[in-house]
Amino acid sequence: MPTNLHIDDDLLDEALKLSGKRTKRETVNEALRAYIRYCKRLKLLELFGKIDYHPDYDYKAARRKR
């Protein structure tokens, strides 16, 4: 889907140099993927302390069942 965006040229140029990507499109797509990963990590951090830990849970046994 074509989209017109007004992106700061200095930011895009710096991102292009740092990323090593060949095109602006690749650079923007990679930046969006990185931003999405970052936001997902923040959401996971919100769960910290909210999930009860069961001390008898044996994660190694659960792996063996697969």
C-alpha atoms as a PDB file:
ATOM      1  CA  MET A   1       0.000   0.000   0.000  1.00  0.00           C
ATOM      2  CA  PRO A   2       1.688   3.225  -1.084  1.00  0.00           C
ATOM      3  CA  THR A   3       1.931   5.787   1.691  1.00  0.00           C
ATOM      4  CA  ASN A   4       3.316   9.301   1.650  1.00  0.00           C
ATOM      5  CA  LEU A   5       5.164  10.261   4.807  1.00  0.00           C
ATOM      6  CA  HIS A   6       7.047  13.380   5.779  1.00  0.00           C
ATOM      7  CA  ILE A   7      10.159  11.959   7.441  1.00  0.00           C
ATOM      8  CA  ASP A   8      12.996  14.064   8.822  1.00  0.00           C
ATOM      9  CA  ASP A   9      15.747  13.741   6.198  1.00  0.00           C
ATOM     10  CA  ASP A  10      18.549  14.002   8.762  1.00  0.00           C
ATOM     11  CA  LEU A  11      17.078  11.180  10.856  1.00  0.00           C
ATOM     12  CA  LEU A  12      16.537   8.997   7.821  1.00  0.00           C
ATOM     13  CA  ASP A  13      20.065   9.622   6.528  1.00  0.00           C
ATOM     14  CA  GLU A  14      21.575   8.770   9.910  1.00  0.00           C
ATOM     15  CA  ALA A  15      19.451   5.624  10.203  1.00  0.00           C
ATOM     16  CA  LEU A  16      20.440   4.606   6.681  1.00  0.00           C
ATOM     17  CA  LYS A  17      24.151   4.972   7.512  1.00  0.00           C
ATOM     18  CA  LEU A  18      23.887   3.153  10.834  1.00  0.00           C
ATOM     19  CA  SER A  19      21.723   0.316   9.571  1.00  0.00           C
ATOM     20  CA  GLY A  20      23.820  -0.555   6.554  1.00  0.00           C
ATOM     21  CA  LYS A  21      20.636  -1.054   4.553  1.00  0.00           C
ATOM     22  CA  ARG A  22      20.753  -0.264   0.855  1.00  0.00           C
ATOM     23  CA  THR A  23      17.520   1.701   0.554  1.00  0.00           C
ATOM     24  CA  LYS A  24      15.408   4.096   2.562  1.00  0.00           C
ATOM     25  CA  ARG A  25      12.527   1.662   2.311  1.00  0.00           C
ATOM     26  CA  GLU A  26      14.559  -1.167   3.889  1.00  0.00           C
ATOM     27  CA  THR A  27      15.722   1.225   6.598  1.00  0.00           C
ATOM     28  CA  VAL A  28      12.190   2.380   7.462  1.00  0.00           C
ATOM     29  CA  ASN A  29      10.847  -1.185   7.459  1.00  0.00           C
ATOM     30  CA  GLU A  30      13.652  -2.341   9.773  1.00  0.00           C
ATOM     31  CA  ALA A  31      13.050   0.639  12.062  1.00  0.00           C
ATOM     32  CA  LEU A  32       9.351  -0.244  12.250  1.00  0.00           C
ATOM     33  CA  ARG A  33      10.178  -3.867  13.087  1.00  0.00           C
ATOM     34  CA  ALA A  34      12.573  -2.702  15.827  1.00  0.00           C
ATOM     35  CA  TYR A  35       9.941  -0.342  17.219  1.00  0.00           C
ATOM     36  CA  ILE A  36       7.345  -3.118  17.297  1.00  0.00           C
ATOM     37  CA  ARG A  37       9.776  -5.436  19.144  1.00  0.00           C
ATOM     38  CA  TYR A  38      10.499  -2.641  21.621  1.00  0.00           C
ATOM     39  CA  CYS A  39       6.788  -2.016  22.280  1.00  0.00           C
ATOM     40  CA  LYS A  40       6.148  -5.735  22.778  1.00  0.00           C
ATOM     41  CA  ARG A  41       8.980  -5.901  25.325  1.00  0.00           C
ATOM     42  CA  LEU A  42       7.452  -2.971  27.202  1.00  0.00           C
ATOM     43  CA  LYS A  43       4.121  -4.792  27.317  1.00  0.00           C
ATOM     44  CA  LEU A  44       5.851  -7.859  28.749  1.00  0.00           C
ATOM     45  CA  LEU A  45       7.507  -5.741  31.417  1.00  0.00           C
ATOM     46  CA  GLU A  46       4.071  -4.539  32.507  1.00  0.00           C
ATOM     47  CA  LEU A  47       3.330  -8.153  33.499  1.00  0.00           C
ATOM     48  CA  PHE A  48       6.315  -8.289  35.848  1.00  0.00           C
ATOM     49  CA  GLY A  49       5.078  -9.192  39.321  1.00  0.00           C
ATOM     50  CA  LYS A  50       1.523  -9.849  38.112  1.00  0.00           C
ATOM     51  CA  ILE A  51       1.930 -13.503  37.181  1.00  0.00           C
ATOM     52  CA  ASP A  52       2.116 -15.961  40.041  1.00  0.00           C
ATOM     53  CA  TYR A  53       5.067 -18.302  40.024  1.00  0.00           C
ATOM     54  CA  HIS A  54       4.358 -21.904  40.949  1.00  0.00           C
ATOM     55  CA  PRO A  55       7.443 -23.262  42.760  1.00  0.00           C
ATOM     56  CA  ASP A  56       6.652 -26.903  41.873  1.00  0.00           C
ATOM     57  CA  TYR A  57       6.518 -26.275  38.110  1.00  0.00           C
ATOM     58  CA  ASP A  58       9.143 -28.336  36.285  1.00  0.00           C
ATOM     59  CA  TYR A  59       9.837 -26.690  32.932  1.00  0.00           C
ATOM     60  CA  LYS A  60      12.318 -29.428  31.996  1.00  0.00           C
ATOM     61  CA  ALA A  61       9.616 -32.094  32.360  1.00  0.00           C
ATOM     62  CA  ALA A  62       7.329 -30.018  30.150  1.00  0.00           C
ATOM     63  CA  ARG A  63      10.032 -29.912  27.467  1.00  0.00           C
ATOM     64  CA  ARG A  64      10.463 -33.703  27.566  1.00  0.00           C
ATOM     65  CA  LYS A  65       6.760 -34.215  26.838  1.00  0.00           C
ATOM     66  CA  ARG A  66       7.080 -32.636  23.399  1.00  0.00           C
END
